[in-house]
Amino acid sequence: FAEKEPTLAALSARVASTDEELSALLTTVWHRALYACDPPTSE
């Protein structure tokens, strides 16, 4: 958002194009780091 790096922006557009998708992806990383597993498939 601040630097608007084109490479990272292009990657984000491919894997998580909305704020909600980006939050879900990054929160899965948080969940894996803290709980050593993926979140439930329902979430």
PDB file of all heavy atoms in Angstrom:
ATOM      1  N   PHE A   1       0.800  -1.226   0.000  1.00  0.00           N
ATOM      2  CA  PHE A   1       0.000   0.000   0.000  1.00  0.00           C
ATOM      3  C   PHE A   1       0.834   1.277   0.000  1.00  0.00           C
ATOM      4  O   PHE A   1       0.494   2.230  -0.706  1.00  0.00           O
ATOM      5  CB  PHE A   1      -0.947  -0.002   1.193  1.00  0.00           C
ATOM      6  CG  PHE A   1      -1.784  -1.243   1.308  1.00  0.00           C
ATOM      7  CD1 PHE A   1      -2.015  -1.839   2.538  1.00  0.00           C
ATOM      8  CD2 PHE A   1      -2.337  -1.837   0.183  1.00  0.00           C
ATOM      9  CE1 PHE A   1      -2.793  -2.996   2.649  1.00  0.00           C
ATOM     10  CE2 PHE A   1      -3.104  -2.991   0.277  1.00  0.00           C
ATOM     11  CZ  PHE A   1      -3.332  -3.568   1.510  1.00  0.00           C
ATOM     12  N   ALA A   2       1.898   1.324   0.808  1.00  0.00           N
ATOM     13  CA  ALA A   2       2.707   2.543   0.881  1.00  0.00           C
ATOM     14  C   ALA A   2       3.702   2.635  -0.272  1.00  0.00           C
ATOM     15  O   ALA A   2       3.815   3.668  -0.929  1.00  0.00           O
ATOM     16  CB  ALA A   2       3.429   2.613   2.222  1.00  0.00           C
ATOM     17  N   GLU A   3       4.424   1.539  -0.525  1.00  0.00           N
ATOM     18  CA  GLU A   3       5.433   1.540  -1.588  1.00  0.00           C
ATOM     19  C   GLU A   3       4.870   1.138  -2.944  1.00  0.00           C
ATOM     20  O   GLU A   3       5.460   1.440  -3.978  1.00  0.00           O
ATOM     21  CB  GLU A   3       6.590   0.600  -1.206  1.00  0.00           C
ATOM     22  CG  GLU A   3       7.231   0.895   0.134  1.00  0.00           C
ATOM     23  CD  GLU A   3       7.806   2.304   0.215  1.00  0.00           C
ATOM     24  OE1 GLU A   3       8.190   2.844  -0.834  1.00  0.00           O
ATOM     25  OE2 GLU A   3       7.856   2.858   1.330  1.00  0.00           O
ATOM     26  N   LYS A   4       3.735   0.436  -2.931  1.00  0.00           N
ATOM     27  CA  LYS A   4       3.086  -0.016  -4.173  1.00  0.00           C
ATOM     28  C   LYS A   4       4.056  -0.769  -5.078  1.00  0.00           C
ATOM     29  O   LYS A   4       4.197  -0.469  -6.281  1.00  0.00           O
ATOM     30  CB  LYS A   4       2.480   1.170  -4.923  1.00  0.00           C
ATOM     31  CG  LYS A   4       1.421   1.925  -4.118  1.00  0.00           C
ATOM     32  CD  LYS A   4       0.791   3.012  -4.949  1.00  0.00           C
ATOM     33  CE  LYS A   4      -0.181   3.854  -4.124  1.00  0.00           C
ATOM     34  NZ  LYS A   4      -1.292   3.061  -3.577  1.00  0.00           N
ATOM     35  N   GLU A   5       4.747  -1.770  -4.511  1.00  0.00           N
ATOM     36  CA  GLU A   5       5.701  -2.552  -5.294  1.00  0.00           C
ATOM     37  C   GLU A   5       4.957  -3.378  -6.339  1.00  0.00           C
ATOM     38  O   GLU A   5       4.074  -4.178  -6.006  1.00  0.00           O
ATOM     39  CB  GLU A   5       6.502  -3.473  -4.371  1.00  0.00           C
ATOM     40  CG  GLU A   5       7.474  -2.735  -3.481  1.00  0.00           C
ATOM     41  CD  GLU A   5       8.386  -3.687  -2.725  1.00  0.00           C
ATOM     42  OE1 GLU A   5       8.383  -4.900  -3.026  1.00  0.00           O
ATOM     43  OE2 GLU A   5       9.098  -3.210  -1.821  1.00  0.00           O
ATOM     44  N   PRO A   6       5.302  -3.228  -7.616  1.00  0.00           N
ATOM     45  CA  PRO A   6       4.545  -3.903  -8.674  1.00  0.00           C
ATOM     46  C   PRO A   6       4.619  -5.425  -8.622  1.00  0.00           C
ATOM     47  O   PRO A   6       3.630  -6.104  -8.909  1.00  0.00           O
ATOM     48  CB  PRO A   6       5.167  -3.352  -9.964  1.00  0.00           C
ATOM     49  CG  PRO A   6       6.508  -2.812  -9.560  1.00  0.00           C
ATOM     50  CD  PRO A   6       6.359  -2.351  -8.152  1.00  0.00           C
ATOM     51  N   THR A   7       5.778  -5.979  -8.268  1.00  0.00           N
ATOM     52  CA  THR A   7       5.909  -7.438  -8.246  1.00  0.00           C
ATOM     53  C   THR A   7       5.022  -8.049  -7.171  1.00  0.00           C
ATOM     54  O   THR A   7       4.290  -9.007  -7.425  1.00  0.00           O
ATOM     55  CB  THR A   7       7.371  -7.845  -7.998  1.00  0.00           C
ATOM     56  OG1 THR A   7       8.188  -7.321  -9.050  1.00  0.00           O
ATOM     57  CG2 THR A   7       7.500  -9.369  -7.957  1.00  0.00           C
ATOM     58  N   LEU A   8       5.079  -7.483  -5.961  1.00  0.00           N
ATOM     59  CA  LEU A   8       4.257  -7.997  -4.870  1.00  0.00           C
ATOM     60  C   LEU A   8       2.780  -7.747  -5.153  1.00  0.00           C
ATOM     61  O   LEU A   8       1.930  -8.600  -4.855  1.00  0.00           O
ATOM     62  CB  LEU A   8       4.655  -7.347  -3.544  1.00  0.00           C
ATOM     63  CG  LEU A   8       3.959  -7.885  -2.299  1.00  0.00           C
ATOM     64  CD1 LEU A   8       4.231  -9.365  -2.115  1.00  0.00           C
ATOM     65  CD2 LEU A   8       4.393  -7.113  -1.058  1.00  0.00           C
ATOM     66  N   ALA A   9       2.453  -6.596  -5.722  1.00  0.00           N
ATOM     67  CA  ALA A   9       1.057  -6.291  -6.050  1.00  0.00           C
ATOM     68  C   ALA A   9       0.515  -7.289  -7.067  1.00  0.00           C
ATOM     69  O   ALA A   9      -0.639  -7.731  -6.963  1.00  0.00           O
ATOM     70  CB  ALA A   9       0.950  -4.868  -6.590  1.00  0.00           C
ATOM     71  N   ALA A  10       1.327  -7.663  -8.056  1.00  0.00           N
ATOM     72  CA  ALA A  10       0.897  -8.636  -9.059  1.00  0.00           C
ATOM     73  C   ALA A  10       0.681 -10.011  -8.430  1.00  0.00           C
ATOM     74  O   ALA A  10      -0.290 -10.713  -8.749  1.00  0.00           O
ATOM     75  CB  ALA A  10       1.928  -8.720 -10.184  1.00  0.00           C
ATOM     76  N   LEU A  11       1.570 -10.394  -7.514  1.00  0.00           N
ATOM     77  CA  LEU A  11       1.404 -11.673  -6.817  1.00  0.00           C
ATOM     78  C   LEU A  11       0.134 -11.678  -5.983  1.00  0.00           C
ATOM     79  O   LEU A  11      -0.634 -12.652  -5.989  1.00  0.00           O
ATOM     80  CB  LEU A  11       2.612 -11.937  -5.912  1.00  0.00           C
ATOM     81  CG  LEU A  11       3.851 -12.554  -6.551  1.00  0.00           C
ATOM     82  CD1 LEU A  11       4.994 -12.580  -5.544  1.00  0.00           C
ATOM     83  CD2 LEU A  11       3.555 -13.963  -7.050  1.00  0.00           C
ATOM     84  N   SER A  12      -0.090 -10.601  -5.261  1.00  0.00           N
ATOM     85  CA  SER A  12      -1.281 -10.506  -4.422  1.00  0.00           C
ATOM     86  C   SER A  12      -2.542 -10.570  -5.270  1.00  0.00           C
ATOM     87  O   SER A  12      -3.530 -11.200  -4.883  1.00  0.00           O
ATOM     88  CB  SER A  12      -1.253  -9.203  -3.614  1.00  0.00           C
ATOM     89  OG  SER A  12      -2.407  -9.077  -2.817  1.00  0.00           O
ATOM     90  N   ALA A  13      -2.522  -9.928  -6.420  1.00  0.00           N
ATOM     91  CA  ALA A  13      -3.690  -9.943  -7.300  1.00  0.00           C
ATOM     92  C   ALA A  13      -4.013 -11.352  -7.772  1.00  0.00           C
ATOM     93  O   ALA A  13      -5.177 -11.697  -8.006  1.00  0.00           O
ATOM     94  CB  ALA A  13      -3.451  -9.022  -8.498  1.00  0.00           C
ATOM     95  N   ARG A  14      -2.996 -12.196  -7.893  1.00  0.00           N
ATOM     96  CA  ARG A  14      -3.200 -13.574  -8.362  1.00  0.00           C
ATOM     97  C   ARG A  14      -3.712 -14.489  -7.251  1.00  0.00           C
ATOM     98  O   ARG A  14      -4.536 -15.376  -7.491  1.00  0.00           O
ATOM     99  CB  ARG A  14      -1.899 -14.142  -8.934  1.00  0.00           C
ATOM    100  CG  ARG A  14      -1.464 -13.532 -10.253  1.00  0.00           C
ATOM    101  CD  ARG A  14      -0.144 -14.137 -10.717  1.00  0.00           C
ATOM    102  NE  ARG A  14      -0.300 -15.559 -11.022  1.00  0.00           N
ATOM    103  CZ  ARG A  14      -0.624 -16.047 -12.212  1.00  0.00           C
ATOM    104  NH1 ARG A  14      -0.851 -15.210 -13.222  1.00  0.00           N
ATOM    105  NH2 ARG A  14      -0.724 -17.344 -12.413  1.00  0.00           N
ATOM    106  N   VAL A  15      -3.208 -14.305  -6.036  1.00  0.00           N
ATOM    107  CA  VAL A  15      -3.538 -15.269  -4.968  1.00  0.00           C
ATOM    108  C   VAL A  15      -4.525 -14.733  -3.942  1.00  0.00           C
ATOM    109  O   VAL A  15      -5.172 -15.519  -3.230  1.00  0.00           O
ATOM    110  CB  VAL A  15      -2.254 -15.745  -4.244  1.00  0.00           C
ATOM    111  CG1 VAL A  15      -1.291 -16.393  -5.213  1.00  0.00           C
ATOM    112  CG2 VAL A  15      -1.571 -14.592  -3.504  1.00  0.00           C
ATOM    113  N   ALA A  16      -4.642 -13.402  -3.825  1.00  0.00           N
ATOM    114  CA  ALA A  16      -5.542 -12.802  -2.819  1.00  0.00           C
ATOM    115  C   ALA A  16      -5.871 -11.396  -3.271  1.00  0.00           C
ATOM    116  O   ALA A  16      -5.255 -10.427  -2.826  1.00  0.00           O
ATOM    117  CB  ALA A  16      -4.882 -12.795  -1.441  1.00  0.00           C
ATOM    118  N   SER A  17      -6.850 -11.270  -4.148  1.00  0.00           N
ATOM    119  CA  SER A  17      -7.116  -9.995  -4.809  1.00  0.00           C
ATOM    120  C   SER A  17      -7.940  -9.018  -3.965  1.00  0.00           C
ATOM    121  O   SER A  17      -8.004  -7.836  -4.269  1.00  0.00           O
ATOM    122  CB  SER A  17      -7.826 -10.232  -6.141  1.00  0.00           C
ATOM    123  OG  SER A  17      -9.064 -10.907  -5.930  1.00  0.00           O
ATOM    124  N   THR A  18      -8.580  -9.491  -2.915  1.00  0.00           N
ATOM    125  CA  THR A  18      -9.362  -8.607  -2.047  1.00  0.00           C
ATOM    126  C   THR A  18      -8.753  -8.583  -0.649  1.00  0.00           C
ATOM    127  O   THR A  18      -7.954  -9.453  -0.278  1.00  0.00           O
ATOM    128  CB  THR A  18     -10.822  -9.076  -1.941  1.00  0.00           C
ATOM    129  OG1 THR A  18     -10.863 -10.334  -1.225  1.00  0.00           O
ATOM    130  CG2 THR A  18     -11.442  -9.261  -3.319  1.00  0.00           C
ATOM    131  N   ASP A  19      -9.131  -7.575   0.140  1.00  0.00           N
ATOM    132  CA  ASP A  19      -8.632  -7.497   1.514  1.00  0.00           C
ATOM    133  C   ASP A  19      -9.051  -8.728   2.311  1.00  0.00           C
ATOM    134  O   ASP A  19      -8.289  -9.232   3.148  1.00  0.00           O
ATOM    135  CB  ASP A  19      -9.169  -6.235   2.197  1.00  0.00           C
ATOM    136  CG  ASP A  19      -8.549  -4.961   1.630  1.00  0.00           C
ATOM    137  OD1 ASP A  19      -7.527  -5.061   0.913  1.00  0.00           O
ATOM    138  OD2 ASP A  19      -9.093  -3.873   1.901  1.00  0.00           O
ATOM    139  N   GLU A  20     -10.256  -9.222   2.056  1.00  0.00           N
ATOM    140  CA  GLU A  20     -10.751 -10.400   2.780  1.00  0.00           C
ATOM    141  C   GLU A  20      -9.926 -11.643   2.427  1.00  0.00           C
ATOM    142  O   GLU A  20      -9.562 -12.441   3.304  1.00  0.00           O
ATOM    143  CB  GLU A  20     -12.226 -10.624   2.453  1.00  0.00           C
ATOM    144  CG  GLU A  20     -13.176  -9.598   3.067  1.00  0.00           C
ATOM    145  CD  GLU A  20     -13.155  -8.252   2.358  1.00  0.00           C
ATOM    146  OE1 GLU A  20     -12.619  -8.178   1.220  1.00  0.00           O
ATOM    147  OE2 GLU A  20     -13.675  -7.277   2.929  1.00  0.00           O
ATOM    148  N   GLU A  21      -9.614 -11.805   1.146  1.00  0.00           N
ATOM    149  CA  GLU A  21      -8.804 -12.952   0.732  1.00  0.00           C
ATOM    150  C   GLU A  21      -7.380 -12.848   1.270  1.00  0.00           C
ATOM    151  O   GLU A  21      -6.784 -13.843   1.683  1.00  0.00           O
ATOM    152  CB  GLU A  21      -8.790 -13.048  -0.794  1.00  0.00           C
ATOM    153  CG  GLU A  21     -10.115 -13.469  -1.402  1.00  0.00           C
ATOM    154  CD  GLU A  21     -10.095 -13.428  -2.921  1.00  0.00           C
ATOM    155  OE1 GLU A  21      -9.138 -12.837  -3.485  1.00  0.00           O
ATOM    156  OE2 GLU A  21     -11.030 -13.975  -3.537  1.00  0.00           O
ATOM    157  N   LEU A  22      -6.836 -11.635   1.259  1.00  0.00           N
ATOM    158  CA  LEU A  22      -5.487 -11.436   1.789  1.00  0.00           C
ATOM    159  C   LEU A  22      -5.446 -11.735   3.280  1.00  0.00           C
ATOM    160  O   LEU A  22      -4.515 -12.389   3.768  1.00  0.00           O
ATOM    161  CB  LEU A  22      -5.036  -9.999   1.522  1.00  0.00           C
ATOM    162  CG  LEU A  22      -3.622  -9.627   1.995  1.00  0.00           C
ATOM    163  CD1 LEU A  22      -2.581 -10.509   1.324  1.00  0.00           C
ATOM    164  CD2 LEU A  22      -3.340  -8.149   1.709  1.00  0.00           C
ATOM    165  N   SER A  23      -6.456 -11.281   4.007  1.00  0.00           N
ATOM    166  CA  SER A  23      -6.503 -11.560   5.439  1.00  0.00           C
ATOM    167  C   SER A  23      -6.617 -13.058   5.701  1.00  0.00           C
ATOM    168  O   SER A  23      -5.951 -13.595   6.595  1.00  0.00           O
ATOM    169  CB  SER A  23      -7.679 -10.826   6.085  1.00  0.00           C
ATOM    170  OG  SER A  23      -7.732 -11.096   7.473  1.00  0.00           O
ATOM    171  N   ALA A  24      -7.455 -13.748   4.917  1.00  0.00           N
ATOM    172  CA  ALA A  24      -7.625 -15.192   5.108  1.00  0.00           C
ATOM    173  C   ALA A  24      -6.313 -15.936   4.856  1.00  0.00           C
ATOM    174  O   ALA A  24      -5.939 -16.847   5.614  1.00  0.00           O
ATOM    175  CB  ALA A  24      -8.714 -15.714   4.182  1.00  0.00           C
ATOM    176  N   LEU A  25      -5.596 -15.545   3.804  1.00  0.00           N
ATOM    177  CA  LEU A  25      -4.332 -16.214   3.490  1.00  0.00           C
ATOM    178  C   LEU A  25      -3.291 -15.974   4.584  1.00  0.00           C
ATOM    179  O   LEU A  25      -2.658 -16.916   5.081  1.00  0.00           O
ATOM    180  CB  LEU A  25      -3.816 -15.715   2.138  1.00  0.00           C
ATOM    181  CG  LEU A  25      -2.612 -16.457   1.542  1.00  0.00           C
ATOM    182  CD1 LEU A  25      -2.651 -16.362   0.020  1.00  0.00           C
ATOM    183  CD2 LEU A  25      -1.296 -15.871   2.049  1.00  0.00           C
ATOM    184  N   LEU A  26      -3.121 -14.702   4.983  1.00  0.00           N
ATOM    185  CA  LEU A  26      -2.123 -14.388   5.998  1.00  0.00           C
ATOM    186  C   LEU A  26      -2.505 -14.951   7.367  1.00  0.00           C
ATOM    187  O   LEU A  26      -1.636 -15.359   8.146  1.00  0.00           O
ATOM    188  CB  LEU A  26      -1.925 -12.871   6.083  1.00  0.00           C
ATOM    189  CG  LEU A  26      -1.307 -12.226   4.841  1.00  0.00           C
ATOM    190  CD1 LEU A  26      -1.268 -10.710   4.992  1.00  0.00           C
ATOM    191  CD2 LEU A  26       0.093 -12.776   4.591  1.00  0.00           C
ATOM    192  N   THR A  27      -3.807 -15.004   7.654  1.00  0.00           N
ATOM    193  CA  THR A  27      -4.242 -15.566   8.933  1.00  0.00           C
ATOM    194  C   THR A  27      -3.998 -17.069   8.971  1.00  0.00           C
ATOM    195  O   THR A  27      -3.725 -17.631  10.050  1.00  0.00           O
ATOM    196  CB  THR A  27      -5.728 -15.258   9.183  1.00  0.00           C
ATOM    197  OG1 THR A  27      -5.930 -13.843   9.143  1.00  0.00           O
ATOM    198  CG2 THR A  27      -6.172 -15.764  10.547  1.00  0.00           C
ATOM    199  N   THR A  28      -4.060 -17.733   7.833  1.00  0.00           N
ATOM    200  CA  THR A  28      -3.715 -19.153   7.792  1.00  0.00           C
ATOM    201  C   THR A  28      -2.251 -19.349   8.149  1.00  0.00           C
ATOM    202  O   THR A  28      -1.884 -20.309   8.849  1.00  0.00           O
ATOM    203  CB  THR A  28      -4.010 -19.745   6.398  1.00  0.00           C
ATOM    204  OG1 THR A  28      -5.409 -19.608   6.129  1.00  0.00           O
ATOM    205  CG2 THR A  28      -3.641 -21.223   6.341  1.00  0.00           C
ATOM    206  N   VAL A  29      -1.388 -18.427   7.691  1.00  0.00           N
ATOM    207  CA  VAL A  29       0.024 -18.471   8.081  1.00  0.00           C
ATOM    208  C   VAL A  29       0.158 -18.290   9.588  1.00  0.00           C
ATOM    209  O   VAL A  29       0.926 -19.008  10.252  1.00  0.00           O
ATOM    210  CB  VAL A  29       0.826 -17.394   7.323  1.00  0.00           C
ATOM    211  CG1 VAL A  29       2.279 -17.368   7.797  1.00  0.00           C
ATOM    212  CG2 VAL A  29       0.762 -17.643   5.815  1.00  0.00           C
ATOM    213  N   TRP A  30      -0.588 -17.324  10.155  1.00  0.00           N
ATOM    214  CA  TRP A  30      -0.596 -17.131  11.615  1.00  0.00           C
ATOM    215  C   TRP A  30      -1.033 -18.420  12.317  1.00  0.00           C
ATOM    216  O   TRP A  30      -0.410 -18.852  13.298  1.00  0.00           O
ATOM    217  CB  TRP A  30      -1.586 -16.022  11.978  1.00  0.00           C
ATOM    218  CG  TRP A  30      -1.096 -14.624  11.861  1.00  0.00           C
ATOM    219  CD1 TRP A  30      -0.808 -13.958  10.709  1.00  0.00           C
ATOM    220  CD2 TRP A  30      -0.845 -13.703  12.932  1.00  0.00           C
ATOM    221  NE1 TRP A  30      -0.416 -12.676  10.999  1.00  0.00           N
ATOM    222  CE2 TRP A  30      -0.431 -12.489  12.346  1.00  0.00           C
ATOM    223  CE3 TRP A  30      -0.968 -13.780  14.313  1.00  0.00           C
ATOM    224  CZ2 TRP A  30      -0.109 -11.360  13.102  1.00  0.00           C
ATOM    225  CZ3 TRP A  30      -0.661 -12.661  15.073  1.00  0.00           C
ATOM    226  CH2 TRP A  30      -0.230 -11.477  14.477  1.00  0.00           C
ATOM    227  N   HIS A  31      -2.109 -19.021  11.823  1.00  0.00           N
ATOM    228  CA  HIS A  31      -2.659 -20.220  12.456  1.00  0.00           C
ATOM    229  C   HIS A  31      -1.650 -21.359  12.426  1.00  0.00           C
ATOM    230  O   HIS A  31      -1.465 -22.084  13.424  1.00  0.00           O
ATOM    231  CB  HIS A  31      -3.949 -20.620  11.739  1.00  0.00           C
ATOM    232  CG  HIS A  31      -4.836 -21.532  12.531  1.00  0.00           C
ATOM    233  ND1 HIS A  31      -4.577 -22.876  12.684  1.00  0.00           N
ATOM    234  CD2 HIS A  31      -5.994 -21.295  13.219  1.00  0.00           C
ATOM    235  CE1 HIS A  31      -5.537 -23.424  13.413  1.00  0.00           C
ATOM    236  NE2 HIS A  31      -6.392 -22.490  13.760  1.00  0.00           N
ATOM    237  N   ARG A  32      -0.991 -21.531  11.290  1.00  0.00           N
ATOM    238  CA  ARG A  32       0.012 -22.593  11.186  1.00  0.00           C
ATOM    239  C   ARG A  32       1.183 -22.362  12.141  1.00  0.00           C
ATOM    240  O   ARG A  32       1.685 -23.301  12.762  1.00  0.00           O
ATOM    241  CB  ARG A  32       0.526 -22.677   9.750  1.00  0.00           C
ATOM    242  CG  ARG A  32      -0.422 -23.365   8.777  1.00  0.00           C
ATOM    243  CD  ARG A  32       0.160 -23.370   7.383  1.00  0.00           C
ATOM    244  NE  ARG A  32      -0.560 -24.286   6.500  1.00  0.00           N
ATOM    245  CZ  ARG A  32      -0.250 -24.480   5.229  1.00  0.00           C
ATOM    246  NH1 ARG A  32       0.745 -23.796   4.687  1.00  0.00           N
ATOM    247  NH2 ARG A  32      -0.942 -25.338   4.490  1.00  0.00           N
ATOM    248  N   ALA A  33       1.617 -21.107  12.238  1.00  0.00           N
ATOM    249  CA  ALA A  33       2.767 -20.801  13.089  1.00  0.00           C
ATOM    250  C   ALA A  33       2.449 -21.020  14.563  1.00  0.00           C
ATOM    251  O   ALA A  33       3.283 -21.523  15.327  1.00  0.00           O
ATOM    252  CB  ALA A  33       3.216 -19.362  12.856  1.00  0.00           C
ATOM    253  N   LEU A  34       1.243 -20.662  14.986  1.00  0.00           N
ATOM    254  CA  LEU A  34       0.888 -20.759  16.397  1.00  0.00           C
ATOM    255  C   LEU A  34       0.351 -22.131  16.797  1.00  0.00           C
ATOM    256  O   LEU A  34       0.619 -22.609  17.901  1.00  0.00           O
ATOM    257  CB  LEU A  34      -0.153 -19.686  16.747  1.00  0.00           C
ATOM    258  CG  LEU A  34       0.378 -18.254  16.868  1.00  0.00           C
ATOM    259  CD1 LEU A  34      -0.771 -17.258  16.908  1.00  0.00           C
ATOM    260  CD2 LEU A  34       1.236 -18.107  18.131  1.00  0.00           C
ATOM    261  N   TYR A  35      -0.416 -22.763  15.903  1.00  0.00           N
ATOM    262  CA  TYR A  35      -1.101 -24.009  16.262  1.00  0.00           C
ATOM    263  C   TYR A  35      -0.621 -25.233  15.484  1.00  0.00           C
ATOM    264  O   TYR A  35      -1.144 -26.332  15.682  1.00  0.00           O
ATOM    265  CB  TYR A  35      -2.611 -23.839  16.056  1.00  0.00           C
ATOM    266  CG  TYR A  35      -3.197 -22.714  16.870  1.00  0.00           C
ATOM    267  CD1 TYR A  35      -3.697 -21.568  16.252  1.00  0.00           C
ATOM    268  CD2 TYR A  35      -3.234 -22.770  18.263  1.00  0.00           C
ATOM    269  CE1 TYR A  35      -4.226 -20.522  16.989  1.00  0.00           C
ATOM    270  CE2 TYR A  35      -3.757 -21.733  19.003  1.00  0.00           C
ATOM    271  CZ  TYR A  35      -4.255 -20.609  18.365  1.00  0.00           C
ATOM    272  OH  TYR A  35      -4.779 -19.575  19.104  1.00  0.00           O
ATOM    273  N   ALA A  36       0.368 -25.043  14.595  1.00  0.00           N
ATOM    274  CA  ALA A  36       0.979 -26.145  13.845  1.00  0.00           C
ATOM    275  C   ALA A  36      -0.022 -26.943  13.019  1.00  0.00           C
ATOM    276  O   ALA A  36       0.100 -28.158  12.870  1.00  0.00           O
ATOM    277  CB  ALA A  36       1.734 -27.085  14.786  1.00  0.00           C
ATOM    278  N   CYS A  37      -1.048 -26.280  12.490  1.00  0.00           N
ATOM    279  CA  CYS A  37      -2.017 -26.944  11.618  1.00  0.00           C
ATOM    280  C   CYS A  37      -2.806 -25.886  10.859  1.00  0.00           C
ATOM    281  O   CYS A  37      -2.810 -24.716  11.221  1.00  0.00           O
ATOM    282  CB  CYS A  37      -2.974 -27.825  12.427  1.00  0.00           C
ATOM    283  SG  CYS A  37      -4.050 -26.911  13.559  1.00  0.00           S
ATOM    284  N   ASP A  38      -3.458 -26.336   9.787  1.00  0.00           N
ATOM    285  CA  ASP A  38      -4.353 -25.444   9.055  1.00  0.00           C
ATOM    286  C   ASP A  38      -5.607 -25.199   9.886  1.00  0.00           C
ATOM    287  O   ASP A  38      -5.980 -26.043  10.715  1.00  0.00           O
ATOM    288  CB  ASP A  38      -4.758 -26.060   7.727  1.00  0.00           C
ATOM    289  CG  ASP A  38      -3.718 -25.848   6.641  1.00  0.00           C
ATOM    290  OD1 ASP A  38      -2.986 -24.851   6.689  1.00  0.00           O
ATOM    291  OD2 ASP A  38      -3.650 -26.690   5.737  1.00  0.00           O
ATOM    292  N   PRO A  39      -6.279 -24.088   9.655  1.00  0.00           N
ATOM    293  CA  PRO A  39      -7.567 -23.865  10.335  1.00  0.00           C
ATOM    294  C   PRO A  39      -8.610 -24.836   9.807  1.00  0.00           C
ATOM    295  O   PRO A  39      -8.412 -25.456   8.754  1.00  0.00           O
ATOM    296  CB  PRO A  39      -7.913 -22.428   9.970  1.00  0.00           C
ATOM    297  CG  PRO A  39      -7.179 -22.169   8.706  1.00  0.00           C
ATOM    298  CD  PRO A  39      -5.910 -22.945   8.798  1.00  0.00           C
ATOM    299  N   PRO A  40      -9.723 -25.021  10.492  1.00  0.00           N
ATOM    300  CA  PRO A  40     -10.779 -25.902  10.014  1.00  0.00           C
ATOM    301  C   PRO A  40     -11.234 -25.493   8.611  1.00  0.00           C
ATOM    302  O   PRO A  40     -11.266 -24.306   8.281  1.00  0.00           O
ATOM    303  CB  PRO A  40     -11.899 -25.710  11.044  1.00  0.00           C
ATOM    304  CG  PRO A  40     -11.205 -25.222  12.270  1.00  0.00           C
ATOM    305  CD  PRO A  40     -10.053 -24.392  11.791  1.00  0.00           C
ATOM    306  N   THR A  41     -11.590 -26.455   7.798  1.00  0.00           N
ATOM    307  CA  THR A  41     -12.009 -26.165   6.425  1.00  0.00           C
ATOM    308  C   THR A  41     -13.252 -25.292   6.377  1.00  0.00           C
ATOM    309  O   THR A  41     -13.497 -24.623   5.387  1.00  0.00           O
ATOM    310  CB  THR A  41     -12.279 -27.470   5.656  1.00  0.00           C
ATOM    311  OG1 THR A  41     -13.215 -28.260   6.411  1.00  0.00           O
ATOM    312  CG2 THR A  41     -11.003 -28.263   5.476  1.00  0.00           C
ATOM    313  N   SER A  42     -14.027 -25.289   7.435  1.00  0.00           N
ATOM    314  CA  SER A  42     -15.230 -24.459   7.463  1.00  0.00           C
ATOM    315  C   SER A  42     -14.892 -22.974   7.580  1.00  0.00           C
ATOM    316  O   SER A  42     -15.724 -22.113   7.325  1.00  0.00           O
ATOM    317  CB  SER A  42     -16.130 -24.860   8.634  1.00  0.00           C
ATOM    318  OG  SER A  42     -15.451 -24.692   9.869  1.00  0.00           O
ATOM    319  N   GLU A  43     -13.647 -22.671   7.972  1.00  0.00           N
ATOM    320  CA  GLU A  43     -13.263 -21.282   8.177  1.00  0.00           C
ATOM    321  C   GLU A  43     -12.327 -20.746   7.105  1.00  0.00           C
ATOM    322  O   GLU A  43     -12.319 -19.554   6.825  1.00  0.00           O
ATOM    323  CB  GLU A  43     -12.603 -21.114   9.551  1.00  0.00           C
ATOM    324  CG  GLU A  43     -13.545 -21.374  10.708  1.00  0.00           C
ATOM    325  CD  GLU A  43     -12.923 -21.027  12.045  1.00  0.00           C
ATOM    326  OE1 GLU A  43     -11.950 -21.698  12.429  1.00  0.00           O
ATOM    327  OE2 GLU A  43     -13.406 -20.093  12.690  1.00  0.00           O
TER     328      GLU A  43
END
